[in-house]
């Protein structure tokens, strides 16, 4: 993401990170999380730069580890 990430983009990415992390936590679907991020072009760095909660980032990282990506 560029240096001009707006508050709207930050909020959107924070919400996406929360939703993906919740899917993993509640449903144990790490591959789903990886697939959604891969298919939409989202990067972990995009979510981190947007200020996604660290507990959500940790959960998403676990998904990539579980999927051996």
PDB file of N, CA and C in Angstrom:
ATOM      1  N   UNK A   1       0.848  -1.179   0.000  1.00  0.00           N
ATOM      2  CA  UNK A   1       0.000   0.000   0.000  1.00  0.00           C
ATOM      3  C   UNK A   1       0.882   1.227   0.000  1.00  0.00           C
ATOM      4  N   UNK A   2       0.399   2.294  -0.509  1.00  0.00           N
ATOM      5  CA  UNK A   2       1.205   3.505  -0.635  1.00  0.00           C
ATOM      6  C   UNK A   2       1.267   4.280   0.673  1.00  0.00           C
ATOM      7  N   UNK A   3       2.104   5.311   0.673  1.00  0.00           N
ATOM      8  CA  UNK A   3       2.240   6.173   1.847  1.00  0.00           C
ATOM      9  C   UNK A   3       0.983   7.000   2.084  1.00  0.00           C
ATOM     10  N   UNK A   4       0.084   7.024   1.137  1.00  0.00           N
ATOM     11  CA  UNK A   4      -1.118   7.842   1.248  1.00  0.00           C
ATOM     12  C   UNK A   4      -2.336   7.017   1.655  1.00  0.00           C
ATOM     13  N   UNK A   5      -2.135   6.006   2.462  1.00  0.00           N
ATOM     14  CA  UNK A   5      -3.253   5.188   2.915  1.00  0.00           C
ATOM     15  C   UNK A   5      -4.190   6.063   3.745  1.00  0.00           C
ATOM     16  N   UNK A   6      -5.426   6.138   3.317  1.00  0.00           N
ATOM     17  CA  UNK A   6      -6.396   6.973   4.021  1.00  0.00           C
ATOM     18  C   UNK A   6      -6.933   6.249   5.252  1.00  0.00           C
ATOM     19  N   UNK A   7      -7.584   7.006   6.111  1.00  0.00           N
ATOM     20  CA  UNK A   7      -8.201   6.405   7.284  1.00  0.00           C
ATOM     21  C   UNK A   7      -9.259   5.381   6.876  1.00  0.00           C
ATOM     22  N   UNK A   8      -9.936   5.631   5.777  1.00  0.00           N
ATOM     23  CA  UNK A   8     -10.943   4.677   5.286  1.00  0.00           C
ATOM     24  C   UNK A   8     -10.276   3.364   4.912  1.00  0.00           C
ATOM     25  N   UNK A   9      -9.144   3.437   4.201  1.00  0.00           N
ATOM     26  CA  UNK A   9      -8.419   2.221   3.833  1.00  0.00           C
ATOM     27  C   UNK A   9      -7.892   1.509   5.075  1.00  0.00           C
ATOM     28  N   UNK A  10      -7.377   2.277   6.020  1.00  0.00           N
ATOM     29  CA  UNK A  10      -6.869   1.672   7.259  1.00  0.00           C
ATOM     30  C   UNK A  10      -7.984   0.926   7.977  1.00  0.00           C
ATOM     31  N   UNK A  11      -9.133   1.570   8.103  1.00  0.00           N
ATOM     32  CA  UNK A  11     -10.263   0.935   8.773  1.00  0.00           C
ATOM     33  C   UNK A  11     -10.729  -0.315   8.052  1.00  0.00           C
ATOM     34  N   UNK A  12     -10.740  -0.249   6.727  1.00  0.00           N
ATOM     35  CA  UNK A  12     -11.152  -1.407   5.929  1.00  0.00           C
ATOM     36  C   UNK A  12     -10.194  -2.575   6.158  1.00  0.00           C
ATOM     37  N   UNK A  13      -8.901  -2.302   6.092  1.00  0.00           N
ATOM     38  CA  UNK A  13      -7.907  -3.356   6.284  1.00  0.00           C
ATOM     39  C   UNK A  13      -7.920  -3.899   7.709  1.00  0.00           C
ATOM     40  N   UNK A  14      -8.149  -3.031   8.675  1.00  0.00           N
ATOM     41  CA  UNK A  14      -8.256  -3.506  10.058  1.00  0.00           C
ATOM     42  C   UNK A  14      -9.455  -4.439  10.215  1.00  0.00           C
ATOM     43  N   UNK A  15     -10.561  -4.098   9.575  1.00  0.00           N
ATOM     44  CA  UNK A  15     -11.753  -4.948   9.617  1.00  0.00           C
ATOM     45  C   UNK A  15     -11.543  -6.272   8.909  1.00  0.00           C
ATOM     46  N   UNK A  16     -10.859  -6.231   7.785  1.00  0.00           N
ATOM     47  CA  UNK A  16     -10.552  -7.466   7.061  1.00  0.00           C
ATOM     48  C   UNK A  16      -9.670  -8.365   7.922  1.00  0.00           C
ATOM     49  N   UNK A  17      -8.659  -7.776   8.559  1.00  0.00           N
ATOM     50  CA  UNK A  17      -7.766  -8.566   9.414  1.00  0.00           C
ATOM     51  C   UNK A  17      -8.549  -9.205  10.555  1.00  0.00           C
ATOM     52  N   UNK A  18      -9.441  -8.431  11.169  1.00  0.00           N
ATOM     53  CA  UNK A  18     -10.252  -8.974  12.263  1.00  0.00           C
ATOM     54  C   UNK A  18     -11.114 -10.129  11.764  1.00  0.00           C
ATOM     55  N   UNK A  19     -11.781  -9.939  10.625  1.00  0.00           N
ATOM     56  CA  UNK A  19     -12.671 -10.979  10.095  1.00  0.00           C
ATOM     57  C   UNK A  19     -11.904 -12.253   9.757  1.00  0.00           C
ATOM     58  N   UNK A  20     -10.757 -12.112   9.101  1.00  0.00           N
ATOM     59  CA  UNK A  20      -9.968 -13.294   8.751  1.00  0.00           C
ATOM     60  C   UNK A  20      -9.467 -14.015   9.999  1.00  0.00           C
ATOM     61  N   UNK A  21      -9.014 -13.252  10.978  1.00  0.00           N
ATOM     62  CA  UNK A  21      -8.531 -13.863  12.215  1.00  0.00           C
ATOM     63  C   UNK A  21      -9.667 -14.578  12.946  1.00  0.00           C
ATOM     64  N   UNK A  22     -10.841 -13.993  12.943  1.00  0.00           N
ATOM     65  CA  UNK A  22     -11.989 -14.627  13.605  1.00  0.00           C
ATOM     66  C   UNK A  22     -12.385 -15.920  12.907  1.00  0.00           C
ATOM     67  N   UNK A  23     -12.341 -15.936  11.596  1.00  0.00           N
ATOM     68  CA  UNK A  23     -12.638 -17.173  10.858  1.00  0.00           C
ATOM     69  C   UNK A  23     -11.679 -18.268  11.288  1.00  0.00           C
ATOM     70  N   UNK A  24     -10.424 -17.912  11.409  1.00  0.00           N
ATOM     71  CA  UNK A  24      -9.436 -18.901  11.828  1.00  0.00           C
ATOM     72  C   UNK A  24      -9.674 -19.345  13.271  1.00  0.00           C
ATOM     73  N   UNK A  25      -9.886 -18.370  14.161  1.00  0.00           N
ATOM     74  CA  UNK A  25     -10.071 -18.701  15.587  1.00  0.00           C
ATOM     75  C   UNK A  25     -11.338 -19.514  15.825  1.00  0.00           C
ATOM     76  N   UNK A  26     -12.429 -19.125  15.198  1.00  0.00           N
ATOM     77  CA  UNK A  26     -13.717 -19.755  15.482  1.00  0.00           C
ATOM     78  C   UNK A  26     -13.974 -21.030  14.694  1.00  0.00           C
ATOM     79  N   UNK A  27     -13.401 -21.098  13.491  1.00  0.00           N
ATOM     80  CA  UNK A  27     -13.728 -22.213  12.609  1.00  0.00           C
ATOM     81  C   UNK A  27     -12.534 -23.065  12.225  1.00  0.00           C
ATOM     82  N   UNK A  28     -11.351 -22.664  12.646  1.00  0.00           N
ATOM     83  CA  UNK A  28     -10.163 -23.466  12.355  1.00  0.00           C
ATOM     84  C   UNK A  28      -9.924 -23.662  10.866  1.00  0.00           C
ATOM     85  N   UNK A  29     -10.030 -22.584  10.111  1.00  0.00           N
ATOM     86  CA  UNK A  29      -9.885 -22.665   8.658  1.00  0.00           C
ATOM     87  C   UNK A  29      -8.698 -21.840   8.175  1.00  0.00           C
ATOM     88  N   UNK A  30      -7.475 -22.251   8.502  1.00  0.00           N
ATOM     89  CA  UNK A  30      -6.321 -21.448   8.076  1.00  0.00           C
ATOM     90  C   UNK A  30      -6.167 -21.367   6.562  1.00  0.00           C
ATOM     91  N   UNK A  31      -6.503 -22.422   5.849  1.00  0.00           N
ATOM     92  CA  UNK A  31      -6.349 -22.388   4.391  1.00  0.00           C
ATOM     93  C   UNK A  31      -7.303 -21.381   3.767  1.00  0.00           C
ATOM     94  N   UNK A  32      -8.492 -21.233   4.338  1.00  0.00           N
ATOM     95  CA  UNK A  32      -9.455 -20.240   3.854  1.00  0.00           C
ATOM     96  C   UNK A  32      -8.850 -18.846   3.954  1.00  0.00           C
ATOM     97  N   UNK A  33      -8.222 -18.551   5.081  1.00  0.00           N
ATOM     98  CA  UNK A  33      -7.601 -17.246   5.298  1.00  0.00           C
ATOM     99  C   UNK A  33      -6.511 -17.000   4.259  1.00  0.00           C
ATOM    100  N   UNK A  34      -5.659 -17.974   4.064  1.00  0.00           N
ATOM    101  CA  UNK A  34      -4.576 -17.854   3.088  1.00  0.00           C
ATOM    102  C   UNK A  34      -5.149 -17.674   1.682  1.00  0.00           C
ATOM    103  N   UNK A  35      -6.173 -18.439   1.337  1.00  0.00           N
ATOM    104  CA  UNK A  35      -6.773 -18.342   0.008  1.00  0.00           C
ATOM    105  C   UNK A  35      -7.384 -16.963  -0.238  1.00  0.00           C
ATOM    106  N   UNK A  36      -8.106 -16.447   0.744  1.00  0.00           N
ATOM    107  CA  UNK A  36      -8.720 -15.127   0.585  1.00  0.00           C
ATOM    108  C   UNK A  36      -7.649 -14.068   0.374  1.00  0.00           C
ATOM    109  N   UNK A  37      -6.612 -14.110   1.176  1.00  0.00           N
ATOM    110  CA  UNK A  37      -5.554 -13.108   1.020  1.00  0.00           C
ATOM    111  C   UNK A  37      -4.856 -13.257  -0.327  1.00  0.00           C
ATOM    112  N   UNK A  38      -4.570 -14.470  -0.727  1.00  0.00           N
ATOM    113  CA  UNK A  38      -3.889 -14.702  -2.002  1.00  0.00           C
ATOM    114  C   UNK A  38      -4.755 -14.274  -3.181  1.00  0.00           C
ATOM    115  N   UNK A  39      -6.032 -14.606  -3.132  1.00  0.00           N
ATOM    116  CA  UNK A  39      -6.927 -14.308  -4.246  1.00  0.00           C
ATOM    117  C   UNK A  39      -7.287 -12.830  -4.359  1.00  0.00           C
ATOM    118  N   UNK A  40      -7.144 -12.087  -3.272  1.00  0.00           N
ATOM    119  CA  UNK A  40      -7.469 -10.657  -3.309  1.00  0.00           C
ATOM    120  C   UNK A  40      -6.227  -9.784  -3.423  1.00  0.00           C
ATOM    121  N   UNK A  41      -5.052 -10.394  -3.323  1.00  0.00           N
ATOM    122  CA  UNK A  41      -3.821  -9.624  -3.424  1.00  0.00           C
ATOM    123  C   UNK A  41      -3.422  -8.914  -2.147  1.00  0.00           C
ATOM    124  N   UNK A  42      -4.094  -9.240  -1.059  1.00  0.00           N
ATOM    125  CA  UNK A  42      -3.736  -8.630   0.225  1.00  0.00           C
ATOM    126  C   UNK A  42      -2.421  -9.197   0.725  1.00  0.00           C
ATOM    127  N   UNK A  43      -1.625  -8.344   1.310  1.00  0.00           N
ATOM    128  CA  UNK A  43      -0.356  -8.761   1.893  1.00  0.00           C
ATOM    129  C   UNK A  43      -0.390  -8.538   3.393  1.00  0.00           C
ATOM    130  N   UNK A  44       0.373  -9.331   4.102  1.00  0.00           N
ATOM    131  CA  UNK A  44       0.490  -9.120   5.552  1.00  0.00           C
ATOM    132  C   UNK A  44       0.976  -7.708   5.845  1.00  0.00           C
ATOM    133  N   UNK A  45       1.865  -7.199   5.015  1.00  0.00           N
ATOM    134  CA  UNK A  45       2.382  -5.843   5.240  1.00  0.00           C
ATOM    135  C   UNK A  45       1.288  -4.792   5.082  1.00  0.00           C
ATOM    136  N   UNK A  46       0.333  -5.004   4.178  1.00  0.00           N
ATOM    137  CA  UNK A  46      -0.783  -4.069   4.033  1.00  0.00           C
ATOM    138  C   UNK A  46      -1.581  -3.984   5.329  1.00  0.00           C
ATOM    139  N   UNK A  47      -1.876  -5.148   5.901  1.00  0.00           N
ATOM    140  CA  UNK A  47      -2.664  -5.183   7.136  1.00  0.00           C
ATOM    141  C   UNK A  47      -1.892  -4.568   8.289  1.00  0.00           C
ATOM    142  N   UNK A  48      -0.608  -4.870   8.378  1.00  0.00           N
ATOM    143  CA  UNK A  48       0.221  -4.327   9.452  1.00  0.00           C
ATOM    144  C   UNK A  48       0.351  -2.812   9.329  1.00  0.00           C
ATOM    145  N   UNK A  49       0.587  -2.319   8.109  1.00  0.00           N
ATOM    146  CA  UNK A  49       0.720  -0.874   7.892  1.00  0.00           C
ATOM    147  C   UNK A  49      -0.570  -0.130   8.203  1.00  0.00           C
ATOM    148  N   UNK A  50      -1.692  -0.813   8.066  1.00  0.00           N
ATOM    149  CA  UNK A  50      -2.985  -0.203   8.368  1.00  0.00           C
ATOM    150  C   UNK A  50      -3.257  -0.162   9.865  1.00  0.00           C
ATOM    151  N   UNK A  51      -2.414  -0.826  10.636  1.00  0.00           N
ATOM    152  CA  UNK A  51      -2.596  -0.824  12.088  1.00  0.00           C
ATOM    153  C   UNK A  51      -3.509  -1.919  12.598  1.00  0.00           C
ATOM    154  N   UNK A  52      -3.574  -3.022  11.880  1.00  0.00           N
ATOM    155  CA  UNK A  52      -4.387  -4.154  12.338  1.00  0.00           C
ATOM    156  C   UNK A  52      -3.898  -4.598  13.715  1.00  0.00           C
ATOM    157  N   UNK A  53      -4.825  -5.040  14.536  1.00  0.00           N
ATOM    158  CA  UNK A  53      -4.489  -5.469  15.897  1.00  0.00           C
ATOM    159  C   UNK A  53      -3.461  -6.596  15.867  1.00  0.00           C
ATOM    160  N   UNK A  54      -2.520  -6.525  16.774  1.00  0.00           N
ATOM    161  CA  UNK A  54      -1.436  -7.507  16.783  1.00  0.00           C
ATOM    162  C   UNK A  54      -1.952  -8.923  17.005  1.00  0.00           C
ATOM    163  N   UNK A  55      -2.989  -9.091  17.810  1.00  0.00           N
ATOM    164  CA  UNK A  55      -3.520 -10.446  18.029  1.00  0.00           C
ATOM    165  C   UNK A  55      -4.140 -10.996  16.740  1.00  0.00           C
ATOM    166  N   UNK A  56      -4.720 -10.118  15.923  1.00  0.00           N
ATOM    167  CA  UNK A  56      -5.244 -10.553  14.627  1.00  0.00           C
ATOM    168  C   UNK A  56      -4.107 -10.898  13.685  1.00  0.00           C
ATOM    169  N   UNK A  57      -3.071 -10.071  13.672  1.00  0.00           N
ATOM    170  CA  UNK A  57      -1.909 -10.337  12.822  1.00  0.00           C
ATOM    171  C   UNK A  57      -1.252 -11.662  13.209  1.00  0.00           C
ATOM    172  N   UNK A  58      -1.133 -11.912  14.506  1.00  0.00           N
ATOM    173  CA  UNK A  58      -0.537 -13.171  14.965  1.00  0.00           C
ATOM    174  C   UNK A  58      -1.339 -14.367  14.464  1.00  0.00           C
ATOM    175  N   UNK A  59      -2.654 -14.266  14.536  1.00  0.00           N
ATOM    176  CA  UNK A  59      -3.519 -15.364  14.087  1.00  0.00           C
ATOM    177  C   UNK A  59      -3.377 -15.589  12.586  1.00  0.00           C
ATOM    178  N   UNK A  60      -3.321 -14.510  11.821  1.00  0.00           N
ATOM    179  CA  UNK A  60      -3.178 -14.629  10.371  1.00  0.00           C
ATOM    180  C   UNK A  60      -1.820 -15.231  10.019  1.00  0.00           C
ATOM    181  N   UNK A  61      -0.772 -14.822  10.724  1.00  0.00           N
ATOM    182  CA  UNK A  61       0.555 -15.399  10.482  1.00  0.00           C
ATOM    183  C   UNK A  61       0.551 -16.901  10.753  1.00  0.00           C
ATOM    184  N   UNK A  62      -0.148 -17.323  11.795  1.00  0.00           N
ATOM    185  CA  UNK A  62      -0.270 -18.753  12.111  1.00  0.00           C
ATOM    186  C   UNK A  62      -0.917 -19.505  10.942  1.00  0.00           C
ATOM    187  N   UNK A  63      -1.866 -18.874  10.282  1.00  0.00           N
ATOM    188  CA  UNK A  63      -2.537 -19.499   9.134  1.00  0.00           C
ATOM    189  C   UNK A  63      -1.534 -19.766   8.021  1.00  0.00           C
ATOM    190  N   UNK A  64      -0.669 -18.808   7.762  1.00  0.00           N
ATOM    191  CA  UNK A  64       0.327 -18.993   6.717  1.00  0.00           C
ATOM    192  C   UNK A  64       1.325 -20.074   7.108  1.00  0.00           C
ATOM    193  N   UNK A  65       1.673 -20.118   8.381  1.00  0.00           N
ATOM    194  CA  UNK A  65       2.577 -21.183   8.851  1.00  0.00           C
ATOM    195  C   UNK A  65       1.929 -22.549   8.715  1.00  0.00           C
ATOM    196  N   UNK A  66       0.636 -22.641   9.080  1.00  0.00           N
ATOM    197  CA  UNK A  66      -0.091 -23.910   8.993  1.00  0.00           C
ATOM    198  C   UNK A  66      -0.224 -24.376   7.546  1.00  0.00           C
ATOM    199  N   UNK A  67      -0.334 -23.415   6.634  1.00  0.00           N
ATOM    200  CA  UNK A  67      -0.487 -23.747   5.220  1.00  0.00           C
ATOM    201  C   UNK A  67       0.877 -23.914   4.539  1.00  0.00           C
ATOM    202  N   UNK A  68       1.933 -23.768   5.314  1.00  0.00           N
ATOM    203  CA  UNK A  68       3.315 -23.914   4.796  1.00  0.00           C
ATOM    204  C   UNK A  68       3.585 -22.949   3.654  1.00  0.00           C
ATOM    205  N   UNK A  69       3.109 -21.718   3.823  1.00  0.00           N
ATOM    206  CA  UNK A  69       3.337 -20.687   2.802  1.00  0.00           C
ATOM    207  C   UNK A  69       4.430 -19.762   3.269  1.00  0.00           C
TER     208      UNK A  69
END
